[in-house]
Amino acid sequence: MTHYSDFVKGRFSISRDSAKNTVYMQMNSLRPEDTAVYY
């Protein structure tokens, strides 16, 4: 199950690789308003 805020739906995708103990976020079609520090 995933949740996306309206402002990134269809552009961003969250995923995880348990073997690598890592989570990812693919961000496509970036916009100037996406400028921020991401945590």
All heavy atoms as atom14 arrays in JSON, in Angstrom:
{
  "sequence": "MTHYSDFVKGRFSISRDSAKNTVYMQMNSLRPEDTAVYY",
  "atom14_mask": [
    [1, 1, 1, 1, 1, 1, 1, 1, 0, 0, 0, 0, 0, 0],
    [1, 1, 1, 1, 1, 1, 1, 0, 0, 0, 0, 0, 0, 0],
    [1, 1, 1, 1, 1, 1, 1, 1, 1, 1, 0, 0, 0, 0],
    [1, 1, 1, 1, 1, 1, 1, 1, 1, 1, 1, 1, 0, 0],
    [1, 1, 1, 1, 1, 1, 0, 0, 0, 0, 0, 0, 0, 0],
    [1, 1, 1, 1, 1, 1, 1, 1, 0, 0, 0, 0, 0, 0],
    [1, 1, 1, 1, 1, 1, 1, 1, 1, 1, 1, 0, 0, 0],
    [1, 1, 1, 1, 1, 1, 1, 0, 0, 0, 0, 0, 0, 0],
    [1, 1, 1, 1, 1, 1, 1, 1, 1, 0, 0, 0, 0, 0],
    [1, 1, 1, 1, 0, 0, 0, 0, 0, 0, 0, 0, 0, 0],
    [1, 1, 1, 1, 1, 1, 1, 1, 1, 1, 1, 0, 0, 0],
    [1, 1, 1, 1, 1, 1, 1, 1, 1, 1, 1, 0, 0, 0],
    [1, 1, 1, 1, 1, 1, 0, 0, 0, 0, 0, 0, 0, 0],
    [1, 1, 1, 1, 1, 1, 1, 1, 0, 0, 0, 0, 0, 0],
    [1, 1, 1, 1, 1, 1, 0, 0, 0, 0, 0, 0, 0, 0],
    [1, 1, 1, 1, 1, 1, 1, 1, 1, 1, 1, 0, 0, 0],
    [1, 1, 1, 1, 1, 1, 1, 1, 0, 0, 0, 0, 0, 0],
    [1, 1, 1, 1, 1, 1, 0, 0, 0, 0, 0, 0, 0, 0],
    [1, 1, 1, 1, 1, 0, 0, 0, 0, 0, 0, 0, 0, 0],
    [1, 1, 1, 1, 1, 1, 1, 1, 1, 0, 0, 0, 0, 0],
    [1, 1, 1, 1, 1, 1, 1, 1, 0, 0, 0, 0, 0, 0],
    [1, 1, 1, 1, 1, 1, 1, 0, 0, 0, 0, 0, 0, 0],
    [1, 1, 1, 1, 1, 1, 1, 0, 0, 0, 0, 0, 0, 0],
    [1, 1, 1, 1, 1, 1, 1, 1, 1, 1, 1, 1, 0, 0],
    [1, 1, 1, 1, 1, 1, 1, 1, 0, 0, 0, 0, 0, 0],
    [1, 1, 1, 1, 1, 1, 1, 1, 1, 0, 0, 0, 0, 0],
    [1, 1, 1, 1, 1, 1, 1, 1, 0, 0, 0, 0, 0, 0],
    [1, 1, 1, 1, 1, 1, 1, 1, 0, 0, 0, 0, 0, 0],
    [1, 1, 1, 1, 1, 1, 0, 0, 0, 0, 0, 0, 0, 0],
    [1, 1, 1, 1, 1, 1, 1, 1, 0, 0, 0, 0, 0, 0],
    [1, 1, 1, 1, 1, 1, 1, 1, 1, 1, 1, 0, 0, 0],
    [1, 1, 1, 1, 1, 1, 1, 0, 0, 0, 0, 0, 0, 0],
    [1, 1, 1, 1, 1, 1, 1, 1, 1, 0, 0, 0, 0, 0],
    [1, 1, 1, 1, 1, 1, 1, 1, 0, 0, 0, 0, 0, 0],
    [1, 1, 1, 1, 1, 1, 1, 0, 0, 0, 0, 0, 0, 0],
    [1, 1, 1, 1, 1, 0, 0, 0, 0, 0, 0, 0, 0, 0],
    [1, 1, 1, 1, 1, 1, 1, 0, 0, 0, 0, 0, 0, 0],
    [1, 1, 1, 1, 1, 1, 1, 1, 1, 1, 1, 1, 0, 0],
    [1, 1, 1, 1, 1, 1, 1, 1, 1, 1, 1, 1, 0, 0]
  ],
  "atom14_positions": [
    [[0.85, -1.19, 0.0], [0.0, 0.0, 0.0], [0.88, 1.24, 0.0], [1.87, 1.31, 0.74], [-0.91, 0.02, 1.22], [-1.97, -1.06, 1.24], [-3.09, -0.87, 2.65], [-3.88, 0.68, 2.24], [0.0, 0.0, 0.0], [0.0, 0.0, 0.0], [0.0, 0.0, 0.0], [0.0, 0.0, 0.0], [0.0, 0.0, 0.0], [0.0, 0.0, 0.0]],
    [[0.5, 2.2, -0.83], [1.24, 3.44, -0.91], [0.28, 4.62, -0.82], [-0.92, 4.49, -1.08], [2.04, 3.54, -2.22], [1.14, 3.38, -3.32], [3.13, 2.49, -2.28], [0.0, 0.0, 0.0], [0.0, 0.0, 0.0], [0.0, 0.0, 0.0], [0.0, 0.0, 0.0], [0.0, 0.0, 0.0], [0.0, 0.0, 0.0], [0.0, 0.0, 0.0]],
    [[0.84, 5.74, -0.45], [0.09, 6.99, -0.38], [0.93, 8.07, -1.07], [2.15, 8.15, -0.84], [-0.18, 7.37, 1.07], [-0.56, 8.81, 1.27], [-1.85, 9.26, 1.09], [0.2, 9.91, 1.57], [-1.88, 10.56, 1.31], [-0.66, 10.98, 1.61], [0.0, 0.0, 0.0], [0.0, 0.0, 0.0], [0.0, 0.0, 0.0], [0.0, 0.0, 0.0]],
    [[0.3, 8.87, -1.89], [0.98, 9.98, -2.54], [0.17, 11.25, -2.32], [-1.05, 11.25, -2.41], [1.14, 9.74, -4.04], [2.04, 8.58, -4.37], [1.52, 7.31, -4.62], [3.42, 8.74, -4.42], [2.34, 6.25, -4.89], [4.25, 7.68, -4.7], [3.72, 6.44, -4.93], [4.54, 5.37, -5.21], [0.0, 0.0, 0.0], [0.0, 0.0, 0.0]],
    [[0.87, 12.31, -2.03], [0.19, 13.6, -1.95], [-0.24, 14.02, -3.35], [0.38, 13.64, -4.35], [1.12, 14.63, -1.33], [1.41, 14.29, 0.0], [0.0, 0.0, 0.0], [0.0, 0.0, 0.0], [0.0, 0.0, 0.0], [0.0, 0.0, 0.0], [0.0, 0.0, 0.0], [0.0, 0.0, 0.0], [0.0, 0.0, 0.0], [0.0, 0.0, 0.0]],
    [[-1.3, 14.79, -3.4], [-1.88, 15.15, -4.69], [-0.88, 15.84, -5.61], [-0.92, 15.65, -6.83], [-3.09, 16.07, -4.48], [-4.29, 15.35, -3.91], [-4.31, 14.09, -3.98], [-5.2, 16.01, -3.39], [0.0, 0.0, 0.0], [0.0, 0.0, 0.0], [0.0, 0.0, 0.0], [0.0, 0.0, 0.0], [0.0, 0.0, 0.0], [0.0, 0.0, 0.0]],
    [[0.04, 16.59, -5.03], [0.93, 17.37, -5.86], [2.03, 16.53, -6.52], [2.8, 17.03, -7.34], [1.54, 18.54, -5.08], [2.09, 18.17, -3.73], [3.33, 17.59, -3.59], [1.33, 18.42, -2.59], [3.83, 17.26, -2.35], [1.82, 18.09, -1.33], [3.08, 17.51, -1.21], [0.0, 0.0, 0.0], [0.0, 0.0, 0.0], [0.0, 0.0, 0.0]],
    [[2.13, 15.25, -6.18], [3.14, 14.4, -6.83], [2.54, 13.17, -7.49], [3.26, 12.4, -8.14], [4.24, 13.95, -5.84], [4.92, 15.15, -5.2], [3.71, 12.97, -4.81], [0.0, 0.0, 0.0], [0.0, 0.0, 0.0], [0.0, 0.0, 0.0], [0.0, 0.0, 0.0], [0.0, 0.0, 0.0], [0.0, 0.0, 0.0], [0.0, 0.0, 0.0]],
    [[1.25, 12.97, -7.36], [0.63, 11.79, -7.94], [0.9, 11.72, -9.44], [0.77, 12.71, -10.16], [-0.88, 11.81, -7.69], [-1.28, 11.29, -6.34], [-2.79, 11.3, -6.16], [-3.18, 10.83, -4.77], [-4.63, 10.92, -4.53], [0.0, 0.0, 0.0], [0.0, 0.0, 0.0], [0.0, 0.0, 0.0], [0.0, 0.0, 0.0], [0.0, 0.0, 0.0]],
    [[1.29, 10.54, -9.88], [1.58, 10.34, -11.29], [2.98, 10.74, -11.69], [3.4, 10.47, -12.82], [0.0, 0.0, 0.0], [0.0, 0.0, 0.0], [0.0, 0.0, 0.0], [0.0, 0.0, 0.0], [0.0, 0.0, 0.0], [0.0, 0.0, 0.0], [0.0, 0.0, 0.0], [0.0, 0.0, 0.0], [0.0, 0.0, 0.0], [0.0, 0.0, 0.0]],
    [[3.71, 11.41, -10.79], [5.08, 11.85, -11.11], [6.12, 11.15, -10.25], [7.22, 10.87, -10.7], [5.2, 13.37, -10.93], [4.26, 14.18, -11.8], [4.57, 15.68, -11.71], [4.41, 16.23, -10.37], [5.37, 16.88, -9.7], [6.55, 17.06, -10.26], [5.13, 17.36, -8.49], [0.0, 0.0, 0.0], [0.0, 0.0, 0.0], [0.0, 0.0, 0.0]],
    [[5.8, 10.9, -9.0], [6.74, 10.29, -8.05], [6.31, 8.87, -7.73], [5.12, 8.54, -7.75], [6.79, 11.1, -6.75], [7.41, 12.46, -6.85], [7.67, 13.06, -8.06], [7.72, 13.16, -5.69], [8.24, 14.32, -8.14], [8.29, 14.42, -5.74], [8.53, 15.02, -6.98], [0.0, 0.0, 0.0], [0.0, 0.0, 0.0], [0.0, 0.0, 0.0]],
    [[7.3, 8.04, -7.39], [7.02, 6.66, -7.04], [7.94, 6.21, -5.92], [9.16, 6.36, -6.02], [7.2, 5.76, -8.26], [6.99, 4.41, -7.92], [0.0, 0.0, 0.0], [0.0, 0.0, 0.0], [0.0, 0.0, 0.0], [0.0, 0.0, 0.0], [0.0, 0.0, 0.0], [0.0, 0.0, 0.0], [0.0, 0.0, 0.0], [0.0, 0.0, 0.0]],
    [[7.36, 5.66, -4.85], [8.14, 5.16, -3.73], [8.28, 3.65, -3.85], [7.34, 2.95, -4.28], [7.47, 5.55, -2.38], [8.34, 5.17, -1.2], [6.07, 4.94, -2.26], [7.82, 5.69, 0.15], [0.0, 0.0, 0.0], [0.0, 0.0, 0.0], [0.0, 0.0, 0.0], [0.0, 0.0, 0.0], [0.0, 0.0, 0.0], [0.0, 0.0, 0.0]],
    [[9.44, 3.15, -3.48], [9.68, 1.71, -3.54], [10.72, 1.34, -2.51], [11.35, 2.2, -1.91], [10.14, 1.29, -4.95], [11.38, 1.91, -5.27], [0.0, 0.0, 0.0], [0.0, 0.0, 0.0], [0.0, 0.0, 0.0], [0.0, 0.0, 0.0], [0.0, 0.0, 0.0], [0.0, 0.0, 0.0], [0.0, 0.0, 0.0], [0.0, 0.0, 0.0]],
    [[10.87, 0.04, -2.3], [11.88, -0.4, -1.33], [12.57, -1.66, -1.85], [11.99, -2.44, -2.58], [11.25, -0.65, 0.03], [10.37, -1.88, 0.12], [9.49, -1.87, 1.37], [10.24, -1.63, 2.58], [9.69, -1.18, 3.72], [8.39, -0.92, 3.76], [10.42, -0.99, 4.8], [0.0, 0.0, 0.0], [0.0, 0.0, 0.0], [0.0, 0.0, 0.0]],
    [[13.81, -1.82, -1.44], [14.58, -3.03, -1.71], [15.0, -3.55, -0.35], [15.95, -3.06, 0.25], [15.79, -2.7, -2.59], [16.57, -3.93, -3.0], [16.53, -4.95, -2.26], [17.25, -3.89, -4.03], [0.0, 0.0, 0.0], [0.0, 0.0, 0.0], [0.0, 0.0, 0.0], [0.0, 0.0, 0.0], [0.0, 0.0, 0.0], [0.0, 0.0, 0.0]],
    [[14.28, -4.57, 0.13], [14.55, -5.07, 1.49], [15.93, -5.7, 1.58], [16.58, -5.64, 2.63], [13.48, -6.07, 1.88], [12.22, -5.42, 2.0], [0.0, 0.0, 0.0], [0.0, 0.0, 0.0], [0.0, 0.0, 0.0], [0.0, 0.0, 0.0], [0.0, 0.0, 0.0], [0.0, 0.0, 0.0], [0.0, 0.0, 0.0], [0.0, 0.0, 0.0]],
    [[16.39, -6.31, 0.51], [17.71, -6.93, 0.54], [18.8, -5.89, 0.76], [19.83, -6.17, 1.38], [17.96, -7.69, -0.75], [0.0, 0.0, 0.0], [0.0, 0.0, 0.0], [0.0, 0.0, 0.0], [0.0, 0.0, 0.0], [0.0, 0.0, 0.0], [0.0, 0.0, 0.0], [0.0, 0.0, 0.0], [0.0, 0.0, 0.0], [0.0, 0.0, 0.0]],
    [[18.57, -4.68, 0.27], [19.55, -3.59, 0.43], [19.2, -2.69, 1.6], [19.93, -1.73, 1.86], [19.65, -2.77, -0.86], [20.2, -3.56, -2.04], [20.33, -2.66, -3.27], [20.95, -3.44, -4.43], [21.08, -2.59, -5.65], [0.0, 0.0, 0.0], [0.0, 0.0, 0.0], [0.0, 0.0, 0.0], [0.0, 0.0, 0.0], [0.0, 0.0, 0.0]],
    [[18.09, -2.98, 2.27], [17.66, -2.15, 3.4], [17.56, -0.68, 2.98], [18.0, 0.23, 3.7], [18.6, -2.3, 4.6], [17.88, -2.25, 5.92], [16.69, -2.55, 6.02], [18.59, -1.86, 6.96], [0.0, 0.0, 0.0], [0.0, 0.0, 0.0], [0.0, 0.0, 0.0], [0.0, 0.0, 0.0], [0.0, 0.0, 0.0], [0.0, 0.0, 0.0]],
    [[16.99, -0.46, 1.82], [16.97, 0.86, 1.21], [15.59, 1.16, 0.65], [14.91, 0.26, 0.12], [18.02, 0.94, 0.09], [19.32, 0.72, 0.66], [18.01, 2.3, -0.59], [0.0, 0.0, 0.0], [0.0, 0.0, 0.0], [0.0, 0.0, 0.0], [0.0, 0.0, 0.0], [0.0, 0.0, 0.0], [0.0, 0.0, 0.0], [0.0, 0.0, 0.0]],
    [[15.21, 2.41, 0.76], [13.96, 2.9, 0.19], [14.3, 3.94, -0.87], [15.27, 4.7, -0.71], [13.06, 3.51, 1.28], [11.8, 4.12, 0.68], [12.68, 2.45, 2.29], [0.0, 0.0, 0.0], [0.0, 0.0, 0.0], [0.0, 0.0, 0.0], [0.0, 0.0, 0.0], [0.0, 0.0, 0.0], [0.0, 0.0, 0.0], [0.0, 0.0, 0.0]],
    [[13.52, 3.97, -1.92], [13.78, 4.89, -3.02], [12.56, 5.77, -3.3], [11.43, 5.43, -2.94], [14.1, 4.1, -4.3], [15.25, 3.14, -4.18], [15.03, 1.79, -3.91], [16.56, 3.58, -4.31], [16.08, 0.9, -3.79], [17.62, 2.7, -4.2], [17.38, 1.37, -3.93], [18.43, 0.5, -3.81], [0.0, 0.0, 0.0], [0.0, 0.0, 0.0]],
    [[12.83, 6.87, -3.95], [11.74, 7.65, -4.51], [12.18, 8.15, -5.89], [13.15, 8.91, -5.99], [11.33, 8.81, -3.64], [10.08, 9.53, -4.19], [9.26, 10.53, -2.98], [10.47, 11.85, -2.77], [0.0, 0.0, 0.0], [0.0, 0.0, 0.0], [0.0, 0.0, 0.0], [0.0, 0.0, 0.0], [0.0, 0.0, 0.0], [0.0, 0.0, 0.0]],
    [[11.51, 7.65, -6.88], [11.74, 8.09, -8.26], [10.89, 9.33, -8.49], [9.67, 9.3, -8.27], [11.35, 6.99, -9.24], [11.53, 7.37, -10.7], [12.98, 7.57, -11.08], [13.86, 6.82, -10.66], [13.25, 8.6, -11.87], [0.0, 0.0, 0.0], [0.0, 0.0, 0.0], [0.0, 0.0, 0.0], [0.0, 0.0, 0.0], [0.0, 0.0, 0.0]],
    [[11.54, 10.4, -8.92], [10.85, 11.65, -9.15], [10.99, 12.03, -10.62], [12.11, 12.26, -11.09], [11.42, 12.76, -8.26], [11.45, 12.38, -6.78], [11.86, 13.76, -5.7], [13.51, 14.16, -6.27], [0.0, 0.0, 0.0], [0.0, 0.0, 0.0], [0.0, 0.0, 0.0], [0.0, 0.0, 0.0], [0.0, 0.0, 0.0], [0.0, 0.0, 0.0]],
    [[9.88, 12.07, -11.32], [9.86, 12.42, -12.73], [9.09, 13.72, -12.94], [8.34, 14.16, -12.07], [9.2, 11.3, -13.55], [9.94, 9.98, -13.44], [11.17, 9.94, -13.34], [9.2, 8.89, -13.46], [0.0, 0.0, 0.0], [0.0, 0.0, 0.0], [0.0, 0.0, 0.0], [0.0, 0.0, 0.0], [0.0, 0.0, 0.0], [0.0, 0.0, 0.0]],
    [[9.28, 14.3, -14.11], [8.57, 15.53, -14.46], [8.68, 16.58, -13.36], [7.68, 17.17, -12.93], [7.09, 15.22, -14.76], [6.97, 14.29, -15.8], [0.0, 0.0, 0.0], [0.0, 0.0, 0.0], [0.0, 0.0, 0.0], [0.0, 0.0, 0.0], [0.0, 0.0, 0.0], [0.0, 0.0, 0.0], [0.0, 0.0, 0.0], [0.0, 0.0, 0.0]],
    [[9.89, 16.79, -12.89], [10.1, 17.7, -11.78], [9.74, 19.14, -12.15], [9.91, 19.57, -13.3], [11.54, 17.63, -11.31], [11.85, 16.38, -10.45], [13.33, 16.1, -10.4], [11.29, 16.55, -9.05], [0.0, 0.0, 0.0], [0.0, 0.0, 0.0], [0.0, 0.0, 0.0], [0.0, 0.0, 0.0], [0.0, 0.0, 0.0], [0.0, 0.0, 0.0]],
    [[9.25, 19.85, -11.13], [8.81, 21.23, -11.31], [9.57, 22.14, -10.34], [10.03, 21.67, -9.3], [7.31, 21.34, -11.01], [6.43, 20.42, -11.83], [5.03, 20.35, -11.27], [4.15, 19.47, -12.05], [2.95, 19.07, -11.66], [2.47, 19.49, -10.49], [2.23, 18.27, -12.43], [0.0, 0.0, 0.0], [0.0, 0.0, 0.0], [0.0, 0.0, 0.0]],
    [[9.69, 23.4, -10.63], [10.37, 24.31, -9.69], [9.76, 24.25, -8.28], [10.5, 24.38, -7.29], [10.19, 25.68, -10.35], [10.13, 25.38, -11.81], [9.36, 24.09, -11.91], [0.0, 0.0, 0.0], [0.0, 0.0, 0.0], [0.0, 0.0, 0.0], [0.0, 0.0, 0.0], [0.0, 0.0, 0.0], [0.0, 0.0, 0.0], [0.0, 0.0, 0.0]],
    [[8.48, 24.04, -8.19], [7.83, 23.98, -6.87], [8.18, 22.71, -6.08], [7.82, 22.6, -4.91], [6.31, 24.12, -6.99], [5.65, 23.15, -7.94], [5.43, 23.76, -9.33], [6.31, 24.49, -9.81], [4.37, 23.46, -9.93], [0.0, 0.0, 0.0], [0.0, 0.0, 0.0], [0.0, 0.0, 0.0], [0.0, 0.0, 0.0], [0.0, 0.0, 0.0]],
    [[8.88, 21.77, -6.72], [9.35, 20.59, -6.0], [10.65, 20.87, -5.26], [11.16, 20.0, -4.54], [9.58, 19.42, -6.97], [8.29, 18.93, -7.61], [7.26, 18.85, -6.9], [8.31, 18.62, -8.82], [0.0, 0.0, 0.0], [0.0, 0.0, 0.0], [0.0, 0.0, 0.0], [0.0, 0.0, 0.0], [0.0, 0.0, 0.0], [0.0, 0.0, 0.0]],
    [[11.2, 22.05, -5.44], [12.45, 22.41, -4.76], [12.25, 22.39, -3.26], [11.35, 23.05, -2.73], [12.9, 23.8, -5.22], [13.23, 23.75, -6.61], [14.12, 24.26, -4.43], [0.0, 0.0, 0.0], [0.0, 0.0, 0.0], [0.0, 0.0, 0.0], [0.0, 0.0, 0.0], [0.0, 0.0, 0.0], [0.0, 0.0, 0.0], [0.0, 0.0, 0.0]],
    [[13.09, 21.62, -2.56], [12.96, 21.45, -1.1], [14.08, 20.54, -0.62], [14.81, 19.95, -1.43], [11.61, 20.85, -0.74], [0.0, 0.0, 0.0], [0.0, 0.0, 0.0], [0.0, 0.0, 0.0], [0.0, 0.0, 0.0], [0.0, 0.0, 0.0], [0.0, 0.0, 0.0], [0.0, 0.0, 0.0], [0.0, 0.0, 0.0], [0.0, 0.0, 0.0]],
    [[14.19, 20.41, 0.68], [15.0, 19.36, 1.27], [14.09, 18.15, 1.48], [13.0, 18.29, 2.05], [15.63, 19.8, 2.6], [16.42, 18.65, 3.22], [16.52, 21.01, 2.38], [0.0, 0.0, 0.0], [0.0, 0.0, 0.0], [0.0, 0.0, 0.0], [0.0, 0.0, 0.0], [0.0, 0.0, 0.0], [0.0, 0.0, 0.0], [0.0, 0.0, 0.0]],
    [[14.52, 17.01, 1.0], [13.73, 15.79, 1.09], [14.29, 14.88, 2.17], [15.51, 14.65, 2.23], [13.71, 15.07, -0.26], [12.81, 15.75, -1.26], [13.17, 16.96, -1.84], [11.59, 15.19, -1.62], [12.34, 17.6, -2.74], [10.75, 15.8, -2.53], [11.12, 17.01, -3.08], [10.29, 17.64, -3.98], [0.0, 0.0, 0.0], [0.0, 0.0, 0.0]],
    [[13.38, 14.38, 3.0], [13.75, 13.52, 4.12], [13.04, 12.18, 4.02], [11.88, 12.12, 3.62], [13.33, 14.17, 5.45], [13.91, 15.52, 5.73], [13.28, 16.68, 5.29], [15.09, 15.64, 6.47], [13.81, 17.93, 5.57], [15.63, 16.89, 6.75], [14.98, 18.03, 6.29], [15.5, 19.27, 6.58], [0.0, 0.0, 0.0], [0.0, 0.0, 0.0]]
  ]
}
